[in-house]
Amino acid sequence: MRFYTQQHPFYCGIDLHARTMYVCILSQGGEVMLHRNMKASPDALLKAIAPYRDDMVIAVECIFTWYWLADLCAQEGLPFVLGHALYMKAIHGGKTKNDKIDSQKIAVLLRGGMLPQAYVYPAAMRATRDLLRRRTHLMRKRAELLAHIQNTNSQYNLPEIGKKIAYKANRDGVAERFPDPAVQKSIEVDLALIGHYDQLLRDVELSILKTAKQHNAQTLYLLRTVPGIGESLSLVLLYEIHDITRFPRVQDFLSYCR
């Protein structure tokens, strides 16, 4: 785990939410220069940090709201550090917790060189990575529907379906296996939703693949040459890793992959 250790006269810790943010600015000597709750907007932040921004570093916890702040710092030429949420919790976890305390703890960790860093994923590829993760969510929902059909079949102690209903061609007559009309309707609903998910997933996959070829066609092609790596896994590897050099050790990569 990397820690941010560069020295600056001022350290800004932000506890960021969807509509508000608590900002804490510390001097190199540990003096609180500003500690304020404000609207989560670029104008409000730039106005608040104006007296200190010449040599300041800004840090925020890696939760879903950090995108716009990272982009703002890049646009304004401000050093930006993304704190790893899980490791930060392990370091500064305490009984008392609120936005004001959290913002100061982020600034303190940053100033002391103890802020564990997360990867600031490049803005150009962020949206496609999020869409790829959304595809995973949709795949899990589809898998739940398939599992429900199999579980219902076992619930009524019927013979095994005997074919993979993940494939559209094998779904004919599946609902009719169940004698109760209510159970049939339940299975018909499952099958209809699975068919809808199939169309959505294919559309999403084609869109991601098209964009991936624009982002990094060469790496995508090389990944596909590895035995066992197909279209979906190659996209996951491309977008989740992005730059393999960000992992200094094999152990770091394995930790990232869980």
Protein backbone atom coordinates (compact mmCIF):
# COMPACT_ATOMS: atom_id res chain seq x y z
CA MET A 1 0.00 0.00 0.00
CA ARG A 2 1.41 3.37 -1.04
CA PHE A 3 1.25 6.40 1.25
CA TYR A 4 1.34 10.04 0.23
CA THR A 5 4.53 11.61 1.64
CA GLN A 6 5.27 14.75 -0.41
CA GLN A 7 5.65 17.97 1.57
CA HIS A 8 3.41 21.00 1.04
CA PRO A 9 2.69 24.12 3.12
CA PHE A 10 -1.02 23.27 3.21
CA TYR A 11 -3.04 20.06 3.37
CA CYS A 12 -6.73 19.95 2.52
CA GLY A 13 -8.90 17.05 3.68
CA ILE A 14 -12.44 16.85 2.31
CA ASP A 15 -15.29 14.70 3.54
CA LEU A 16 -17.38 14.68 0.37
CA HIS A 17 -21.04 13.84 -0.06
CA ALA A 18 -23.55 14.20 -2.88
CA ARG A 19 -24.60 17.76 -2.03
CA THR A 20 -22.30 18.97 0.75
CA MET A 21 -18.66 18.68 1.77
CA TYR A 22 -16.70 19.41 4.94
CA VAL A 23 -13.34 21.01 4.17
CA CYS A 24 -10.39 21.09 6.56
CA ILE A 25 -7.12 22.86 5.69
CA LEU A 26 -4.05 22.32 7.86
CA SER A 27 -0.73 24.13 7.70
CA GLN A 28 2.53 22.18 7.66
CA GLY A 29 2.81 22.91 11.38
CA GLY A 30 -0.63 21.41 12.06
CA GLU A 31 -2.58 24.66 12.52
CA VAL A 32 -6.20 24.57 11.33
CA MET A 33 -6.48 27.29 8.69
CA LEU A 34 -10.06 26.52 7.63
CA HIS A 35 -12.69 24.05 8.81
CA ARG A 36 -16.05 24.56 7.19
CA ASN A 37 -19.11 22.80 5.82
CA MET A 38 -20.17 24.01 2.38
CA LYS A 39 -22.00 23.19 -0.80
CA ALA A 40 -20.33 20.51 -2.89
CA SER A 41 -19.59 22.65 -5.92
CA PRO A 42 -16.43 23.70 -7.79
CA ASP A 43 -17.07 27.41 -7.22
CA ALA A 44 -17.54 27.02 -3.47
CA LEU A 45 -14.38 24.96 -3.10
CA LEU A 46 -12.18 27.19 -5.24
CA LYS A 47 -13.35 30.25 -3.35
CA ALA A 48 -12.66 28.62 0.04
CA ILE A 49 -9.13 27.44 -0.81
CA ALA A 50 -8.10 30.56 -2.77
CA PRO A 51 -5.75 31.97 -0.05
CA TYR A 52 -3.87 28.64 0.22
CA ARG A 53 -3.98 27.05 -3.23
CA ASP A 54 -0.50 28.11 -4.46
CA ASP A 55 1.06 25.07 -2.78
CA MET A 56 -1.69 22.82 -1.47
CA VAL A 57 -2.57 19.17 -1.87
CA ILE A 58 -6.19 18.02 -1.71
CA ALA A 59 -7.30 14.60 -0.46
CA VAL A 60 -10.66 12.86 -0.40
CA GLU A 61 -11.85 9.38 0.50
CA CYS A 62 -12.50 6.99 -2.39
CA ILE A 63 -16.30 6.88 -2.42
CA PHE A 64 -18.71 7.38 -5.32
CA THR A 65 -18.54 11.21 -5.26
CA TRP A 66 -14.84 11.76 -6.06
CA TYR A 67 -14.97 11.98 -9.87
CA TRP A 68 -15.84 15.66 -10.21
CA LEU A 69 -13.34 16.70 -7.55
CA ALA A 70 -10.48 14.82 -9.23
CA ASP A 71 -11.39 16.39 -12.57
CA LEU A 72 -11.55 19.86 -11.01
CA CYS A 73 -8.10 19.46 -9.45
CA ALA A 74 -6.68 18.28 -12.78
CA GLN A 75 -8.25 21.26 -14.53
CA GLU A 76 -6.94 23.73 -11.93
CA GLY A 77 -3.49 22.14 -11.61
CA LEU A 78 -4.01 21.18 -7.96
CA PRO A 79 -2.28 18.06 -6.56
CA PHE A 80 -4.96 15.48 -5.79
CA VAL A 81 -4.75 12.36 -3.62
CA LEU A 82 -7.44 9.69 -3.45
CA GLY A 83 -7.55 7.93 -0.09
CA HIS A 84 -8.19 4.19 0.04
CA ALA A 85 -11.45 3.94 2.01
CA LEU A 86 -10.86 0.50 3.56
CA TYR A 87 -7.29 1.18 4.71
CA MET A 88 -8.20 4.67 5.92
CA LYS A 89 -10.91 3.16 8.11
CA ALA A 90 -8.36 0.75 9.61
CA ILE A 91 -5.93 3.59 10.36
CA HIS A 92 -8.18 6.32 11.73
CA GLY A 93 -11.21 4.35 12.92
CA GLY A 94 -12.62 5.78 16.13
CA LYS A 95 -15.72 5.80 18.28
CA THR A 96 -16.65 9.36 17.40
CA LYS A 97 -17.37 9.99 13.74
CA ASN A 98 -18.95 12.84 11.82
CA ASP A 99 -18.18 14.87 8.72
CA LYS A 100 -16.21 17.52 10.58
CA ILE A 101 -14.02 14.98 12.37
CA ASP A 102 -13.53 12.92 9.21
CA SER A 103 -12.37 15.87 7.13
CA GLN A 104 -9.74 16.75 9.75
CA LYS A 105 -8.59 13.13 10.02
CA ILE A 106 -8.07 13.01 6.26
CA ALA A 107 -5.99 16.20 6.44
CA VAL A 108 -4.00 14.87 9.41
CA LEU A 109 -3.23 11.58 7.65
CA LEU A 110 -2.19 13.49 4.54
CA ARG A 111 0.08 15.84 6.49
CA GLY A 112 1.68 12.98 8.42
CA GLY A 113 2.38 10.89 5.33
CA MET A 114 -0.05 8.21 6.51
CA LEU A 115 -2.79 8.54 3.91
CA PRO A 116 -3.08 5.21 2.01
CA GLN A 117 -3.54 5.98 -1.66
CA ALA A 118 -6.08 4.58 -4.08
CA TYR A 119 -5.64 4.78 -7.85
CA VAL A 120 -7.01 7.89 -9.54
CA TYR A 121 -8.52 6.22 -12.58
CA PRO A 122 -8.21 8.36 -15.75
CA ALA A 123 -11.31 10.32 -16.64
CA ALA A 124 -11.33 9.24 -20.30
CA MET A 125 -11.96 5.58 -19.42
CA ARG A 126 -13.97 5.98 -16.22
CA ALA A 127 -17.45 5.90 -17.72
CA THR A 128 -16.74 2.75 -19.76
CA ARG A 129 -15.34 1.00 -16.68
CA ASP A 130 -18.51 1.90 -14.80
CA LEU A 131 -20.63 0.56 -17.65
CA LEU A 132 -18.63 -2.67 -17.56
CA ARG A 133 -19.29 -2.96 -13.83
CA ARG A 134 -22.97 -2.31 -14.51
CA ARG A 135 -22.88 -5.24 -16.93
CA THR A 136 -21.66 -7.44 -14.07
CA HIS A 137 -24.64 -6.32 -11.99
CA LEU A 138 -27.02 -7.22 -14.83
CA MET A 139 -25.35 -10.61 -15.29
CA ARG A 140 -25.86 -11.40 -11.61
CA LYS A 141 -29.55 -10.51 -11.85
CA ARG A 142 -29.86 -12.78 -14.87
CA ALA A 143 -28.10 -15.57 -12.96
CA GLU A 144 -30.55 -15.16 -10.06
CA LEU A 145 -33.46 -15.74 -12.45
CA LEU A 146 -31.84 -18.88 -13.88
CA ALA A 147 -31.19 -20.15 -10.36
CA HIS A 148 -34.81 -19.49 -9.38
CA ILE A 149 -36.04 -21.69 -12.23
CA GLN A 150 -33.73 -24.53 -11.20
CA ASN A 151 -34.66 -24.14 -7.52
CA THR A 152 -38.37 -24.19 -8.35
CA ASN A 153 -37.84 -27.36 -10.36
CA SER A 154 -36.19 -28.95 -7.30
CA GLN A 155 -38.88 -27.54 -5.00
CA TYR A 156 -41.54 -29.58 -6.82
CA ASN A 157 -39.22 -32.61 -7.16
CA LEU A 158 -39.51 -32.69 -10.94
CA PRO A 159 -36.95 -34.46 -13.17
CA GLU A 160 -33.89 -32.47 -14.06
CA ILE A 161 -34.40 -30.04 -16.93
CA GLY A 162 -31.47 -31.72 -18.64
CA LYS A 163 -30.32 -28.77 -20.74
CA LYS A 164 -28.70 -25.42 -20.13
CA ILE A 165 -31.51 -22.90 -20.04
CA ALA A 166 -28.93 -20.12 -20.18
CA TYR A 167 -29.22 -20.65 -23.93
CA LYS A 168 -32.40 -19.31 -25.53
CA ALA A 169 -32.89 -22.39 -27.71
CA ASN A 170 -33.21 -24.60 -24.60
CA ARG A 171 -36.01 -22.67 -22.89
CA ASP A 172 -38.97 -23.95 -24.91
CA GLY A 173 -41.37 -25.97 -22.77
CA VAL A 174 -39.66 -25.15 -19.46
CA ALA A 175 -42.68 -23.35 -17.96
CA GLU A 176 -45.03 -26.12 -19.09
CA ARG A 177 -43.16 -28.63 -16.89
CA PHE A 178 -45.02 -27.25 -13.88
CA PRO A 179 -48.68 -28.36 -13.52
CA ASP A 180 -49.79 -25.48 -11.28
CA PRO A 181 -50.82 -22.40 -13.36
CA ALA A 182 -49.42 -20.01 -10.74
CA VAL A 183 -46.03 -21.71 -10.83
CA GLN A 184 -46.10 -21.66 -14.62
CA LYS A 185 -46.73 -17.92 -14.57
CA SER A 186 -43.83 -17.40 -12.17
CA ILE A 187 -41.48 -19.31 -14.48
CA GLU A 188 -42.81 -17.47 -17.54
CA VAL A 189 -41.97 -14.19 -15.82
CA ASP A 190 -38.44 -15.47 -15.13
CA LEU A 191 -37.97 -16.54 -18.75
CA ALA A 192 -39.29 -13.24 -20.11
CA LEU A 193 -36.90 -11.28 -17.88
CA ILE A 194 -33.99 -13.51 -18.87
CA GLY A 195 -34.75 -12.86 -22.54
CA HIS A 196 -34.84 -9.12 -21.86
CA TYR A 197 -31.54 -9.27 -19.99
CA ASP A 198 -30.01 -11.18 -22.91
CA GLN A 199 -30.84 -8.33 -25.28
CA LEU A 200 -29.67 -5.64 -22.86
CA LEU A 201 -26.40 -7.41 -22.10
CA ARG A 202 -25.53 -7.95 -25.74
CA ASP A 203 -26.21 -4.30 -26.50
CA VAL A 204 -24.06 -3.19 -23.55
CA GLU A 205 -21.25 -5.58 -24.49
CA LEU A 206 -21.15 -4.35 -28.10
CA SER A 207 -21.04 -0.75 -26.89
CA ILE A 208 -18.17 -1.47 -24.47
CA LEU A 209 -16.24 -3.44 -27.09
CA LYS A 210 -16.54 -0.61 -29.60
CA THR A 211 -15.26 1.92 -27.07
CA ALA A 212 -12.47 -0.40 -25.87
CA LYS A 213 -11.08 -0.64 -29.41
CA GLN A 214 -10.80 3.15 -29.39
CA HIS A 215 -9.17 3.27 -25.94
CA ASN A 216 -6.57 0.53 -26.34
CA ALA A 217 -7.06 -1.84 -29.25
CA GLN A 218 -3.56 -3.33 -29.06
CA THR A 219 -3.80 -4.39 -25.40
CA LEU A 220 -7.30 -5.76 -25.98
CA TYR A 221 -6.00 -7.85 -28.89
CA LEU A 222 -3.06 -9.16 -26.87
CA LEU A 223 -5.32 -10.15 -23.98
CA ARG A 224 -7.49 -12.16 -26.36
CA THR A 225 -4.44 -14.20 -27.45
CA VAL A 226 -4.13 -15.71 -23.96
CA PRO A 227 -5.79 -19.15 -23.78
CA GLY A 228 -8.94 -18.99 -21.65
CA ILE A 229 -9.43 -15.24 -21.95
CA GLY A 230 -12.52 -14.42 -23.98
CA GLU A 231 -14.31 -11.23 -24.90
CA SER A 232 -15.80 -10.42 -21.50
CA LEU A 233 -12.74 -11.28 -19.40
CA SER A 234 -10.43 -9.34 -21.72
CA LEU A 235 -12.59 -6.24 -21.21
CA VAL A 236 -12.57 -6.70 -17.44
CA LEU A 237 -8.79 -7.04 -17.38
CA LEU A 238 -8.32 -4.05 -19.67
CA TYR A 239 -10.49 -1.67 -17.67
CA GLU A 240 -9.88 -2.87 -14.13
CA ILE A 241 -6.09 -3.03 -14.41
CA HIS A 242 -5.62 -0.13 -16.84
CA ASP A 243 -1.89 0.28 -16.07
CA ILE A 244 -0.11 -2.77 -14.64
CA THR A 245 2.83 -0.63 -13.47
CA ARG A 246 0.63 0.83 -10.73
CA PHE A 247 1.12 -2.45 -8.87
CA PRO A 248 4.72 -2.51 -7.55
CA ARG A 249 4.46 -6.17 -6.46
CA VAL A 250 2.53 -9.28 -7.39
CA GLN A 251 1.06 -9.26 -3.86
CA ASP A 252 -0.40 -5.78 -4.45
CA PHE A 253 -2.08 -6.98 -7.63
CA LEU A 254 -3.53 -10.05 -5.91
CA SER A 255 -4.81 -7.89 -3.05
CA TYR A 256 -6.53 -5.59 -5.56
CA CYS A 257 -8.13 -8.62 -7.22
CA ARG A 258 -9.33 -9.93 -3.81
